[in-house]
Protein backbone atom coordinates (compact mmCIF):
# COMPACT_ATOMS: atom_id res chain seq x y z
CA MET A 1 0.00 0.00 0.00
CA ARG A 2 1.55 3.29 -1.13
CA HIS A 3 0.57 6.74 0.13
CA PHE A 4 0.67 10.02 -1.85
CA LEU A 5 0.17 13.54 -0.47
CA ASN A 6 -0.49 16.08 -3.25
CA ASN A 7 0.86 13.45 -5.70
CA ILE A 8 4.12 13.16 -3.72
CA GLU A 9 4.78 9.74 -2.20
CA VAL A 10 5.06 9.86 1.58
CA ALA A 11 5.68 7.32 4.32
CA PRO A 12 3.32 7.59 7.31
CA LYS A 13 5.06 6.86 10.59
CA ASN A 14 2.34 4.36 11.56
CA ILE A 15 1.97 2.76 8.13
CA PHE A 16 2.10 -0.81 9.52
CA GLU A 17 -0.69 -0.17 12.01
CA PHE A 18 -3.62 0.09 9.68
CA GLY A 19 -5.40 -1.30 6.67
CA LEU A 20 -8.76 -0.24 5.26
CA LYS A 21 -12.22 -0.57 6.78
CA SER A 22 -15.70 -0.35 5.31
CA THR A 23 -18.89 -0.16 7.37
CA PHE A 24 -22.22 -0.64 5.57
CA ASN A 25 -24.71 -0.90 8.40
CA GLY A 26 -26.59 1.95 10.07
CA ASP A 27 -24.90 5.32 9.44
CA PRO A 28 -22.07 4.13 7.21
CA SER A 29 -18.56 5.41 7.20
CA ILE A 30 -17.62 3.75 3.95
CA LEU A 31 -13.97 2.92 3.29
CA GLN A 32 -12.12 4.73 6.02
CA MET A 33 -8.66 4.09 7.37
CA ASP A 34 -8.57 1.32 9.93
CA ALA A 35 -6.24 3.43 12.06
CA ASP A 36 -7.77 6.45 13.78
CA LYS A 37 -5.18 8.89 12.42
CA VAL A 38 -2.21 9.08 10.07
CA ILE A 39 1.11 10.37 11.46
CA LEU A 40 3.09 12.21 8.78
CA PRO A 41 6.74 13.23 9.44
CA ARG A 42 9.47 15.11 7.45
CA GLU A 43 8.54 16.14 3.90
CA ALA A 44 4.84 15.43 4.43
CA LYS A 45 4.84 17.81 7.40
CA THR A 46 6.53 20.46 5.25
CA ILE A 47 3.83 20.11 2.55
CA ILE A 48 1.07 20.50 5.14
CA ASP A 49 2.77 23.49 6.82
CA GLN A 50 3.04 25.27 3.46
CA HIS A 51 -0.63 24.52 2.72
CA VAL A 52 -1.70 26.04 6.06
CA GLN A 53 0.36 29.20 5.43
CA THR A 54 -0.80 29.80 1.84
CA ILE A 55 -4.34 28.39 1.70
CA GLY A 56 -5.39 27.79 5.30
CA VAL A 57 -6.92 24.94 7.26
CA PHE A 58 -10.42 25.10 5.76
CA GLU A 59 -9.48 23.38 2.52
CA GLY A 60 -8.41 19.75 2.52
CA ILE A 61 -5.24 18.36 0.94
CA PRO A 62 -5.49 15.56 -1.68
CA TYR A 63 -4.32 12.17 -0.41
CA ARG A 64 -4.16 8.98 -2.49
CA ILE A 65 -3.65 5.35 -1.55
CA GLU A 66 -2.59 2.79 -4.15
CA MET A 67 -3.05 -0.94 -3.66
CA GLY A 68 -1.41 -3.34 -6.08
CA ASN A 69 -1.09 -2.20 -9.66
CA SER A 70 -4.67 -1.28 -10.49
CA VAL A 71 -6.45 0.03 -7.41
CA SER A 72 -6.23 3.71 -6.53
CA LEU A 73 -8.34 5.29 -3.80
CA GLU A 74 -8.79 9.05 -3.47
CA TYR A 75 -8.86 10.65 -0.03
CA TYR A 76 -8.14 14.06 1.46
CA ILE A 77 -6.67 15.33 4.71
CA ASP A 78 -9.20 17.20 6.84
CA LEU A 79 -7.26 19.76 8.88
CA THR A 80 -10.41 20.88 10.72
CA ASP A 81 -11.03 17.50 12.36
CA GLY A 82 -8.61 17.14 15.26
CA ALA A 83 -5.34 17.76 13.41
CA THR A 84 -2.43 17.75 15.89
CA PHE A 85 0.74 19.71 15.02
CA ARG A 86 4.10 18.75 16.60
CA ASP A 87 7.65 19.94 16.01
CA PHE A 88 8.62 17.07 13.72
CA GLU A 89 5.34 15.44 12.68
CA ILE A 90 1.62 16.03 12.13
CA GLU A 91 -1.19 13.70 13.13
CA VAL A 92 -4.26 14.04 10.87
CA LYS A 93 -7.43 12.27 9.78
CA ILE A 94 -7.98 11.37 6.15
CA LYS A 95 -11.40 11.03 4.57
CA LYS A 96 -12.74 9.60 1.33
CA ARG A 97 -12.78 12.21 -1.42
CA LYS A 98 -16.09 12.45 -3.27
CA GLY A 99 -17.31 9.75 -0.90
CA TYR A 100 -20.05 9.35 1.65
CA ASP A 101 -18.42 11.24 4.52
CA ASP A 102 -17.43 14.11 2.25
CA PHE A 103 -20.89 14.39 0.75
CA TRP A 104 -22.80 13.91 4.00
CA GLU A 105 -20.90 16.55 5.95
CA GLN A 106 -21.59 19.10 3.22
CA ALA A 107 -25.22 18.07 2.77
CA GLN A 108 -26.01 18.41 6.47
CA GLY A 109 -24.76 22.00 6.49
CA THR A 110 -26.12 23.16 3.13
CA SER A 111 -29.56 24.74 3.28
CA PHE A 112 -31.76 25.45 0.30
CA GLU A 113 -31.75 29.12 1.34
CA LEU A 114 -27.94 29.11 1.06
CA MET A 115 -28.14 27.55 -2.41
CA ASN A 116 -30.58 30.26 -3.46
CA GLU A 117 -28.24 32.96 -2.12
CA ARG A 118 -25.48 31.48 -4.27
CA GLY A 119 -27.59 31.68 -7.39
CA VAL A 120 -28.87 28.12 -7.60
CA ILE A 121 -32.05 27.92 -9.70
CA PHE A 122 -34.62 25.42 -8.48
CA PRO A 123 -37.16 23.91 -10.94
CA ILE A 124 -40.18 25.48 -9.22
CA ILE A 125 -43.75 24.46 -10.07
CA ASP A 126 -47.11 26.12 -9.37
CA ILE A 127 -49.45 24.27 -7.00
CA PRO A 128 -53.12 25.33 -7.34
CA TYR A 129 -55.02 25.53 -4.07
CA LEU A 130 -58.31 26.68 -2.59
CA ILE A 131 -59.17 28.03 0.81
CA ILE A 132 -62.17 26.04 2.06
CA ARG A 133 -62.84 27.44 5.50
CA ASP A 134 -64.25 25.48 8.42
CA ASN A 135 -67.29 27.81 8.88
CA GLN A 136 -69.43 26.01 6.31
CA LEU A 137 -72.58 26.03 8.48
CA GLU A 138 -72.48 29.81 8.83
CA VAL A 139 -71.88 30.19 5.11
CA GLY A 140 -74.77 27.81 4.40
CA ILE A 141 -77.22 29.85 6.51
CA THR A 142 -76.06 33.12 4.93
CA LEU A 143 -76.34 31.66 1.45
CA SER A 144 -79.83 30.27 2.12
CA VAL A 145 -81.13 33.64 3.39
CA SER A 146 -79.54 35.45 0.47
CA LEU A 147 -80.97 32.95 -2.01
CA TYR A 148 -84.48 33.43 -0.58
CA SER A 149 -84.29 37.23 -0.39
CA MET A 150 -82.89 37.73 -3.88
CA THR A 151 -85.23 35.18 -5.46
CA ASP A 152 -88.31 36.59 -3.73
CA ALA A 153 -87.48 40.17 -4.73
CA LEU A 154 -86.77 39.20 -8.31
CA ILE A 155 -89.96 37.12 -8.66
CA THR A 156 -92.12 39.89 -7.11
CA ASN A 157 -90.74 42.54 -9.45
CA ILE A 158 -91.11 40.36 -12.51
CA LYS A 159 -94.77 39.82 -11.53
CA ASP A 160 -95.26 43.59 -11.04
CA SER A 161 -93.67 44.28 -14.43
CA ALA A 162 -95.99 41.75 -16.05
CA THR A 163 -99.04 43.38 -14.36
CA ALA A 164 -97.99 46.85 -15.53
CA ILE A 165 -97.54 45.67 -19.11
CA THR A 166 -100.94 43.94 -18.97
CA ASN A 167 -102.61 47.16 -17.81
CA VAL A 168 -101.12 49.08 -20.73
CA VAL A 169 -102.20 46.45 -23.22
CA GLU A 170 -105.76 46.43 -21.84
CA ALA A 171 -105.89 50.20 -21.88
CA VAL A 172 -104.95 50.59 -25.55
CA THR A 173 -106.90 47.65 -26.84
CA PRO A 174 -110.43 48.73 -27.83
CA ASN A 175 -113.33 46.52 -26.70
CA VAL A 176 -115.74 45.97 -29.59
CA GLY A 177 -119.08 47.69 -29.03
CA ILE A 178 -117.99 49.34 -25.74
CA PRO A 179 -116.93 52.95 -26.44
CA PRO A 180 -115.30 55.21 -25.47
CA VAL A 181 -111.49 54.65 -25.52
CA PRO A 182 -109.72 55.71 -22.26
CA PRO A 183 -108.27 59.22 -22.20
CA LEU A 184 -104.79 59.63 -23.73
CA GLY A 185 -103.33 60.91 -20.46
CA GLU A 186 -104.36 57.80 -18.60
CA ILE A 187 -102.75 55.63 -21.30
CA ILE A 188 -99.51 57.60 -21.11
CA THR A 189 -99.51 57.25 -17.32
CA LEU A 190 -99.93 53.51 -17.55
CA VAL A 191 -97.14 53.27 -20.14
CA LEU A 192 -94.77 55.30 -17.96
CA LYS A 193 -95.58 53.13 -14.96
CA ALA A 194 -94.85 50.01 -16.99
CA VAL A 195 -91.57 51.43 -18.29
CA ILE A 196 -90.49 52.47 -14.79
CA GLN A 197 -91.39 49.04 -13.43
CA ILE A 198 -89.42 47.33 -16.21
CA LEU A 199 -86.43 49.61 -15.61
CA TYR A 200 -86.63 48.88 -11.89
CA THR A 201 -86.74 45.15 -12.58
CA ILE A 202 -83.70 45.45 -14.86
CA ALA A 203 -81.88 47.49 -12.21
CA LEU A 204 -82.79 44.88 -9.61
CA LEU A 205 -81.56 42.13 -11.94
CA ILE A 206 -78.25 43.97 -12.40
CA ALA A 207 -77.99 44.36 -8.62
CA VAL A 208 -78.72 40.65 -8.16
CA LEU A 209 -76.03 39.73 -10.68
CA LYS A 210 -73.56 42.06 -8.97
CA LEU A 211 -74.47 40.64 -5.56
CA ALA A 212 -74.13 37.14 -6.98
CA GLN A 213 -70.63 38.02 -8.20
CA GLN A 214 -69.65 39.43 -4.81
CA MET A 215 -71.18 36.45 -3.02
CA PHE A 216 -69.36 34.05 -5.34
CA GLU A 217 -66.02 35.72 -4.60
CA LEU A 218 -66.77 35.62 -0.88
CA ILE A 219 -67.97 32.02 -0.70
CA PHE A 220 -65.80 30.64 -3.49
CA PRO A 221 -62.44 32.48 -3.52
CA LYS A 222 -60.67 32.16 -6.83
CA LEU A 223 -58.04 29.51 -7.48
CA ARG A 224 -54.63 30.65 -6.26
CA TYR A 225 -51.14 29.17 -6.40
CA TYR A 226 -48.35 28.32 -4.02
CA LYS A 227 -44.90 27.51 -5.35
CA GLY A 228 -43.34 24.10 -4.68
CA CYS A 229 -40.73 21.65 -5.92
CA THR A 230 -40.42 17.88 -6.24
CA VAL A 231 -38.26 15.96 -3.79
CA LYS A 232 -36.18 14.52 -6.61
CA ASN A 233 -35.46 17.92 -8.17
CA LEU A 234 -34.49 19.40 -4.80
CA ILE A 235 -32.05 16.57 -4.05
CA GLU A 236 -30.64 16.51 -7.57
CA THR A 237 -30.12 20.29 -7.57
CA GLY A 238 -28.43 20.06 -4.15
CA CYS A 239 -26.13 17.24 -5.27
CA ASN A 240 -25.10 19.17 -8.36
CA HIS A 241 -24.42 22.26 -6.26
CA LEU A 242 -22.01 20.24 -4.09
CA GLY A 243 -20.24 18.80 -7.13
CA PHE A 244 -21.93 15.39 -7.07
CA THR A 245 -24.37 13.68 -9.42
CA LEU A 246 -27.56 11.85 -8.47
CA ASN A 247 -28.42 8.38 -9.72
CA SER A 248 -31.54 6.99 -8.04
CA THR A 249 -34.16 4.62 -9.38
CA LEU A 250 -36.08 5.17 -6.14
CA LEU A 251 -36.38 8.92 -6.69
CA ASN A 252 -37.27 8.32 -10.34
CA GLU A 253 -40.09 6.13 -9.05
CA LEU A 254 -41.12 8.93 -6.64
CA SER A 255 -40.66 11.73 -9.16
CA GLN A 256 -44.14 13.14 -8.40
CA LEU A 257 -43.43 13.50 -4.69
CA THR A 258 -43.79 17.25 -4.17
CA ILE A 259 -43.11 19.56 -1.24
CA MET A 260 -45.41 22.54 -0.59
CA PRO A 261 -43.43 24.63 1.91
CA VAL A 262 -45.02 26.65 4.69
CA PRO A 263 -46.22 30.05 3.43
CA ILE A 264 -43.68 32.64 4.48
CA ILE A 265 -42.46 35.56 2.36
CA LYS A 266 -40.50 38.40 3.90
CA GLU A 267 -40.92 42.12 3.07
CA LYS A 268 -44.55 41.95 2.02
CA LYS A 269 -47.64 43.69 3.29
CA SER A 270 -49.65 42.03 6.00
CA ILE A 271 -52.38 39.65 4.92
CA TRP A 272 -54.86 42.03 6.59
CA ASP A 273 -53.95 44.72 4.04
CA TYR A 274 -55.43 42.69 1.19
CA ILE A 275 -58.95 41.97 0.06
CA GLU A 276 -59.52 38.22 -0.13
CA ASN A 277 -59.34 37.99 -3.92
CA ASP A 278 -56.29 40.25 -4.12
CA LEU A 279 -54.24 37.49 -2.53
CA ASN A 280 -53.12 36.28 -5.94
CA PHE A 281 -49.39 35.99 -5.30
CA SER A 282 -47.46 33.06 -3.90
CA PHE A 283 -46.77 33.04 -0.19
CA THR A 284 -44.05 30.40 -0.66
CA LYS A 285 -40.59 30.47 -2.21
CA GLY A 286 -40.95 27.03 -3.76
CA TYR A 287 -38.00 25.48 -1.91
CA PRO A 288 -37.88 24.62 1.82
CA SER A 289 -36.80 27.43 4.12
CA ALA A 290 -35.69 27.49 7.76
CA GLN A 291 -39.36 27.29 8.81
CA ASP A 292 -39.86 23.96 7.00
CA SER A 293 -39.23 20.46 8.28
CA THR A 294 -36.41 19.77 5.78
CA PRO A 295 -34.42 23.03 5.52
CA THR A 296 -31.17 21.38 4.41
CA LEU A 297 -30.21 18.83 1.78
CA GLY A 298 -29.18 16.43 4.55
CA ASN A 299 -32.57 16.75 6.27
CA LEU A 300 -34.36 15.96 3.01
CA ILE A 301 -32.24 12.86 2.35
CA ASP A 302 -32.85 11.78 5.96
CA PHE A 303 -36.58 11.98 5.25
CA VAL A 304 -36.25 9.81 2.13
CA GLU A 305 -34.13 7.21 3.95
CA ARG A 306 -36.46 6.97 6.95
CA THR A 307 -39.76 7.08 5.07
CA PHE A 308 -38.88 4.82 2.16
CA ASN A 309 -36.51 2.41 3.97
CA SER A 310 -33.63 3.46 1.76
CA ARG A 311 -29.86 3.88 2.01
CA THR A 312 -27.54 6.48 0.55
CA ARG A 313 -24.19 5.49 -0.93
CA VAL A 314 -21.64 7.69 -2.60
CA PHE A 315 -19.07 6.33 -5.01
CA ASN A 316 -16.65 8.53 -6.93
CA GLY A 317 -18.93 11.56 -6.81
CA GLU A 318 -22.16 9.69 -7.63
CA VAL A 319 -24.93 9.73 -5.01
CA GLN A 320 -27.13 6.63 -5.01
CA ILE A 321 -30.34 6.58 -2.96
CA GLU A 322 -32.16 3.25 -3.14
CA ARG A 323 -34.37 0.96 -1.09
CA ARG A 324 -32.08 -0.93 1.28
CA ASP A 325 -32.17 -4.20 -0.70
CA TYR A 326 -31.55 -2.60 -4.12
CA TRP A 327 -27.93 -3.71 -4.44
CA GLU A 328 -28.75 -7.30 -3.51
CA SER A 329 -29.77 -8.33 -7.02
CA LEU A 330 -26.83 -6.56 -8.70
CA THR A 331 -23.90 -8.30 -7.04
CA THR A 332 -21.44 -10.56 -8.83
CA ASN A 333 -19.26 -11.09 -5.76
CA SER A 334 -18.49 -14.55 -4.45
CA LEU A 335 -16.57 -15.23 -1.22
CA LEU A 336 -15.42 -18.23 0.80
CA PRO A 337 -14.63 -17.15 4.38
CA ALA A 338 -13.03 -19.44 6.94
CA LEU A 339 -14.42 -20.35 10.34
CA ASN A 340 -14.55 -17.35 12.62
CA LEU A 341 -13.25 -19.30 15.64
CA GLN A 342 -10.04 -20.66 14.18
CA ASP A 343 -8.57 -21.82 17.49
CA ASP A 344 -11.61 -23.99 18.25
CA ARG A 345 -12.21 -24.99 14.63
CA GLN A 346 -15.83 -23.95 14.87
CA SER A 347 -18.08 -21.06 13.91
CA GLU A 348 -20.33 -18.86 15.98
CA PHE A 349 -23.20 -16.59 15.10
CA GLN A 350 -25.99 -14.44 16.51
CA PHE A 351 -29.54 -13.91 15.27
CA ASN A 352 -30.58 -10.43 14.11
CA THR A 353 -33.16 -10.17 16.87
CA ASP A 354 -32.36 -6.46 17.29
CA GLU A 355 -34.14 -5.93 13.95
CA ALA A 356 -37.41 -7.37 15.27
CA TRP A 357 -39.84 -4.69 16.37
CA LYS A 358 -42.87 -5.13 18.56
CA ARG A 359 -44.55 -2.07 17.04
CA THR A 360 -43.98 -0.31 13.74
CA TYR A 361 -45.72 3.03 13.46
CA ILE A 362 -45.70 5.09 10.26
CA HIS A 363 -47.36 8.49 10.50
CA TYR A 364 -47.57 11.93 8.94
CA LEU A 365 -47.72 15.15 10.94
CA VAL A 366 -51.11 16.61 11.79
CA ASP A 367 -51.35 20.32 10.99
CA TYR A 368 -53.75 21.81 13.52
CA ALA A 369 -53.62 25.13 11.66
CA ASP A 370 -55.29 23.41 8.70
CA ALA A 371 -58.61 21.78 9.61
CA HIS A 372 -58.52 19.60 6.49
CA THR A 373 -55.46 17.62 7.66
CA VAL A 374 -57.11 17.07 11.04
CA ASP A 375 -60.21 15.75 9.26
CA PHE A 376 -58.06 13.55 6.99
CA TYR A 377 -56.60 11.24 9.61
CA ASP A 378 -57.22 7.71 8.27
CA PRO A 379 -54.63 7.67 5.43
CA THR A 380 -51.96 9.41 7.51
CA ASP A 381 -51.02 6.66 9.95
CA ALA A 382 -50.49 2.91 9.92
CA GLU A 383 -49.59 0.69 12.86
CA TYR A 384 -48.35 -2.90 12.91
CA SER A 385 -47.55 -5.29 15.73
CA THR A 386 -45.33 -8.37 15.79
CA GLU A 387 -47.06 -11.13 17.73
CA ALA A 388 -45.61 -14.46 18.83
CA LEU A 389 -47.32 -17.67 17.72
CA ASN A 390 -47.64 -20.90 19.73
CA VAL A 391 -47.13 -19.08 23.03
CA ILE A 392 -46.82 -21.18 26.19
CA ASN A 393 -46.02 -18.43 28.73
CA GLN A 394 -47.28 -15.03 27.64
CA ASP A 395 -45.25 -13.26 30.33
CA LEU A 396 -42.05 -14.64 28.80
CA VAL A 397 -42.60 -13.23 25.30
CA THR A 398 -39.58 -11.00 24.61
CA ILE A 399 -40.57 -9.16 21.42
CA LYS A 400 -39.99 -5.49 22.17
CA GLY A 401 -39.10 -2.13 20.68
CA LEU A 402 -40.68 0.64 18.62
CA ASN A 403 -39.87 1.40 15.00
CA ASP A 404 -41.23 4.94 14.72
CA VAL A 405 -41.28 6.16 11.10
CA ALA A 406 -42.20 9.81 11.64
CA ILE A 407 -42.79 11.52 8.28
CA PRO A 408 -41.92 15.21 8.80
CA PHE A 409 -44.76 16.50 6.58
CA ALA A 410 -48.51 16.87 6.69
CA LEU A 411 -50.19 15.03 3.83
CA GLY A 412 -51.79 17.53 1.44
CA VAL A 413 -55.54 17.08 1.09
CA ARG A 414 -57.08 16.89 -2.39
CA LYS A 415 -60.52 18.33 -3.05
CA ASN A 416 -62.32 15.24 -4.30
CA LYS A 417 -65.94 16.43 -4.49
CA LEU A 418 -68.33 19.30 -3.91
CA ASN A 419 -69.24 19.90 -0.27
CA PHE A 420 -72.83 20.59 0.79
CA ILE A 421 -72.36 24.37 0.54
CA GLU A 422 -71.15 24.07 -3.03
CA LYS A 423 -74.01 21.72 -3.91
CA LEU A 424 -76.45 24.24 -2.41
CA ALA A 425 -74.88 27.13 -4.26
CA ILE A 426 -74.41 25.50 -7.64
CA GLU A 427 -78.17 25.40 -8.27
CA PHE A 428 -78.52 29.11 -7.56
CA PHE A 429 -75.49 30.09 -9.63
CA THR A 430 -76.67 27.88 -12.48
CA THR A 431 -79.88 29.97 -12.50
CA ILE A 432 -77.80 33.16 -12.42
CA ASP A 433 -75.83 31.92 -15.44
CA GLU A 434 -79.11 31.23 -17.30
CA VAL A 435 -80.65 34.60 -16.41
CA ALA A 436 -77.48 36.41 -17.45
CA THR A 437 -77.59 34.61 -20.79
CA VAL A 438 -81.26 35.61 -21.38
CA PHE A 439 -80.37 39.25 -20.89
CA GLY A 440 -77.34 39.10 -23.17
CA GLY A 441 -74.72 38.57 -20.47
CA SER A 442 -72.20 35.78 -19.99
CA THR A 443 -71.23 34.19 -16.68
CA ASN A 444 -69.96 30.73 -15.81
CA TYR A 445 -70.24 30.48 -12.04
CA ALA A 446 -71.39 26.86 -12.12
CA GLY A 447 -68.42 25.81 -14.27
CA SER A 448 -66.02 27.60 -11.93
CA ILE A 449 -67.38 25.63 -8.98
CA LEU A 450 -66.98 22.30 -10.79
CA GLY A 451 -63.44 23.25 -11.88
CA ARG A 452 -62.30 23.37 -8.27
CA ILE A 453 -62.25 19.58 -7.95
CA GLY A 454 -58.76 18.07 -7.95
CA VAL A 455 -56.75 20.90 -6.35
CA THR A 456 -55.23 21.06 -2.88
CA GLN A 457 -57.51 22.50 -0.22
CA ILE A 458 -56.52 24.30 2.96
CA SER A 459 -58.69 25.96 5.59
CA GLN A 460 -56.80 29.26 5.81
CA GLN A 461 -54.09 31.23 4.06
CA PHE A 462 -51.38 30.24 6.53
CA TYR A 463 -50.60 26.74 7.82
CA SER A 464 -47.87 25.53 10.16
CA GLN A 465 -46.53 22.25 8.72
CA SER A 466 -44.77 21.64 5.40
CA LYS A 467 -47.04 19.60 3.12
CA LEU A 468 -46.23 16.58 1.01
CA LEU A 469 -48.16 15.96 -2.22
CA TYR A 470 -48.06 13.26 -4.87
CA ALA A 471 -48.73 15.58 -7.76
CA SER A 472 -48.43 16.03 -11.49
CA ALA A 473 -48.20 19.70 -12.48
CA GLY A 474 -49.20 20.56 -8.93
CA ARG A 475 -52.42 18.49 -8.88
CA GLN A 476 -52.80 15.18 -7.08
CA PRO A 477 -54.55 12.33 -8.93
CA ALA A 478 -57.76 10.88 -7.54
CA ASN A 479 -55.89 7.74 -6.36
CA TYR A 480 -53.03 9.57 -4.62
CA VAL A 481 -53.94 8.04 -1.25
CA ASP A 482 -53.32 4.58 -2.72
CA LEU A 483 -49.81 5.72 -3.64
CA ILE A 484 -48.63 7.72 -0.66
CA SER A 485 -50.75 6.86 2.37
CA ALA A 486 -48.94 5.52 5.44
CA LYS A 487 -50.28 2.04 4.69
CA ALA A 488 -49.10 2.18 1.05
CA ILE A 489 -45.63 3.26 2.19
CA TYR A 490 -45.45 0.36 4.65
CA GLU A 491 -46.58 -2.22 2.11
CA LYS A 492 -44.14 -1.13 -0.57
CA TYR A 493 -41.07 -0.09 1.40
CA HIS A 494 -41.18 -1.47 4.97
CA LYS A 495 -42.85 -4.86 4.72
CA ILE A 496 -39.51 -6.34 3.66
CA ASN A 497 -38.29 -5.65 7.23
CA GLU A 498 -40.81 -7.98 8.88
CA ILE A 499 -38.73 -10.34 10.96
CA ASN A 500 -40.52 -13.51 9.79
CA ILE A 501 -39.15 -12.88 6.27
CA ASN A 502 -36.06 -10.94 7.33
CA GLY A 503 -34.27 -13.44 9.56
CA TYR A 504 -30.46 -13.64 9.46
CA LYS A 505 -27.53 -15.19 11.21
CA ILE A 506 -24.80 -12.64 11.91
CA ILE A 507 -21.32 -14.12 11.56
CA SER A 508 -18.70 -11.80 13.02
CA ASN A 509 -14.97 -11.51 12.33
CA ALA A 510 -14.67 -14.26 9.74
CA PRO A 511 -11.19 -14.29 8.10
CA ILE A 512 -10.94 -14.42 4.33
CA ARG A 513 -8.25 -14.14 1.65
CA LEU A 514 -8.99 -11.11 -0.49
CA ARG A 515 -7.21 -9.45 -3.41
CA PRO A 516 -7.31 -5.64 -3.80
CA GLU A 517 -9.69 -5.91 -6.77
CA GLU A 518 -12.09 -8.05 -4.76
CA PHE A 519 -11.97 -5.58 -1.91
CA VAL A 520 -12.92 -2.71 -4.22
CA ASN A 521 -15.76 -4.80 -5.69
CA LEU A 522 -17.15 -5.27 -2.18
CA TYR A 523 -16.70 -1.57 -1.55
CA ASN A 524 -18.95 -0.89 -4.55
CA ASN A 525 -21.52 -3.58 -3.62
CA ASN A 526 -21.54 -5.15 -0.17
CA TYR A 527 -23.57 -8.25 -1.16
CA ALA A 528 -21.84 -11.52 -1.99
CA ASN A 529 -22.62 -15.19 -2.53
CA ILE A 530 -21.22 -17.16 0.41
CA ASN A 531 -21.67 -20.93 0.57
CA GLY A 532 -24.53 -20.73 -1.93
CA LEU A 533 -26.42 -18.01 -0.05
CA LEU A 534 -26.75 -14.33 -0.92
CA CYS A 535 -25.29 -12.53 2.10
CA GLU A 536 -24.92 -8.92 3.12
CA ILE A 537 -21.46 -7.77 4.25
CA ILE A 538 -21.75 -5.50 7.29
CA THR A 539 -18.08 -4.60 7.84
CA ILE A 540 -14.72 -5.33 6.23
CA GLN A 541 -11.29 -4.80 7.73
CA TYR A 542 -8.70 -5.25 5.03
CA ASN A 543 -4.93 -5.55 5.12
CA ASP A 544 -3.44 -4.97 1.70
CA ALA A 545 0.05 -6.18 2.56
CA GLU A 546 -1.24 -9.62 3.52
CA SER A 547 -4.20 -9.73 1.08
CA LYS A 548 -6.30 -10.70 4.04
CA ALA A 549 -9.58 -9.40 5.41
CA VAL A 550 -11.91 -9.94 8.32
CA ILE A 551 -15.60 -9.62 7.55
CA THR A 552 -18.86 -9.53 9.46
CA TYR A 553 -21.85 -10.61 7.40
CA LYS A 554 -25.54 -11.56 7.52
CA GLU A 555 -26.57 -14.99 6.26
CA PRO A 556 -30.29 -15.61 5.48
CA ASN A 557 -32.02 -17.83 8.01
CA SER A 558 -35.65 -18.74 8.62
CA TYR A 559 -35.48 -18.92 12.42
CA ALA A 560 -38.50 -16.57 12.77
CA MET A 561 -40.61 -18.12 10.02
CA GLY A 562 -43.83 -19.52 11.48
CA LYS A 563 -42.90 -18.30 14.96
CA VAL A 564 -44.40 -14.80 14.69
CA GLU A 565 -47.04 -12.93 12.71
CA ILE A 566 -47.39 -9.25 11.87
CA ILE A 567 -50.87 -7.80 12.28
CA ALA A 568 -52.28 -4.42 11.34
CA ILE A 569 -53.66 -2.34 14.22
CA ASN A 570 -56.75 -0.13 13.91
CA GLU A 571 -56.83 -0.62 10.14
């Protein structure tokens, strides 16, 4: 194993103390040095001292390790992580360049606001929404009274106009054999009364149409738009900003997953300074801000990993986010480890009982500032319990633990149908449309009401929790609950974790002969065929000089099959 600092070969003082180590389980630190630190004397110290004087400590120094003739691994020295300077040597940590640690540390500290400040352009989309308030009973009473009053007044005046016209007709129509004809003045008076009555009826009709328009705007505010962005586009834009590329079949599959951030725009007038229908601008920036549940790129990737049972791996600048078992079917690795207890000529193992959960609970946030999410509870949580079968002593059952999958969003609510207020109003406004047409006007109130179906609905202009939608062009399909409900997420992404189908033996510290090329293959895909079984490698400790490794791996085993069942709670 040869070491290069800024392309200059160096000899670490503790070079014989370490090999390479990869950890794939939990929060991985993929391919790090087995030793805690590297001690660099003489010319290496001089190179680092010059770097500190000219560039500073906040930029790493390239470090490369070569194994054999064909394997080269790129690292960098991180001078901000516990570097110790002595008179004749420097003790430093090295980290994988364009690797997981490098990417993750940047992602955790990079907010979408910061990206925007640096000129990053996000692919923002418009999300249509309606404010459907929770005072529908009050609105219904007001609408009913208004409907009665306006209809009664209009009918009465139409009858009066008809009576006036009839009087004029009777006055000017001579009755055969019954002279004389009424005086001209009386006829003129009747005509004027009829004209005035007709003009009053027309004026009343105009007033009714104007009142109908005002009532429509009050009861049915016009369609407005928030700005949002898809989860995939946010992550991809963030990766590109950090100098990485995204390659994720999972996010391609979830390409319609859309975030509608909380409405907050600085340097604008107060909401109280606007009339309801003047609120035609977006109250959101389109990307998550500090007020949202995923303000940084790292937070957003955390959400994807937790919600969709996925893992993030970074190889040579490419970020891969996939369901945890994605790499299983892609491996070509094949290993033959020795017994892990060489002295006793036997093997030992443990079961993965720590991965068995008594209760799995998947749930969205409830936004109490938006009455619709409170009223939309059923699709937003799913609960499952692991129960032992063939129990002899119930008090000795040892299944325990909580797997809490807390989704940091409120599920956006789609307007699926007309509510009772809209059904009540649509008949009246249909009549208004017909009356307007008779008198040469043109309104389409009824069509506007029907066109509101399919958009996101909220109960007031401001809400407190970031919303998650499954949307195309900002609108959720009618079956979106089937795609993104808590139950759907469990069935598609978490069911594979049920212990009755996810049983393993864990074999620790098994020695194995390994060439550098084989080690790098495992670094790229930590699944391998071992003794005819597809196994997952958890850790590798590799010594290049001896072409030897020690691995810990999971071997499939059916120890829980038929011993437990998983049942849905409160389904």
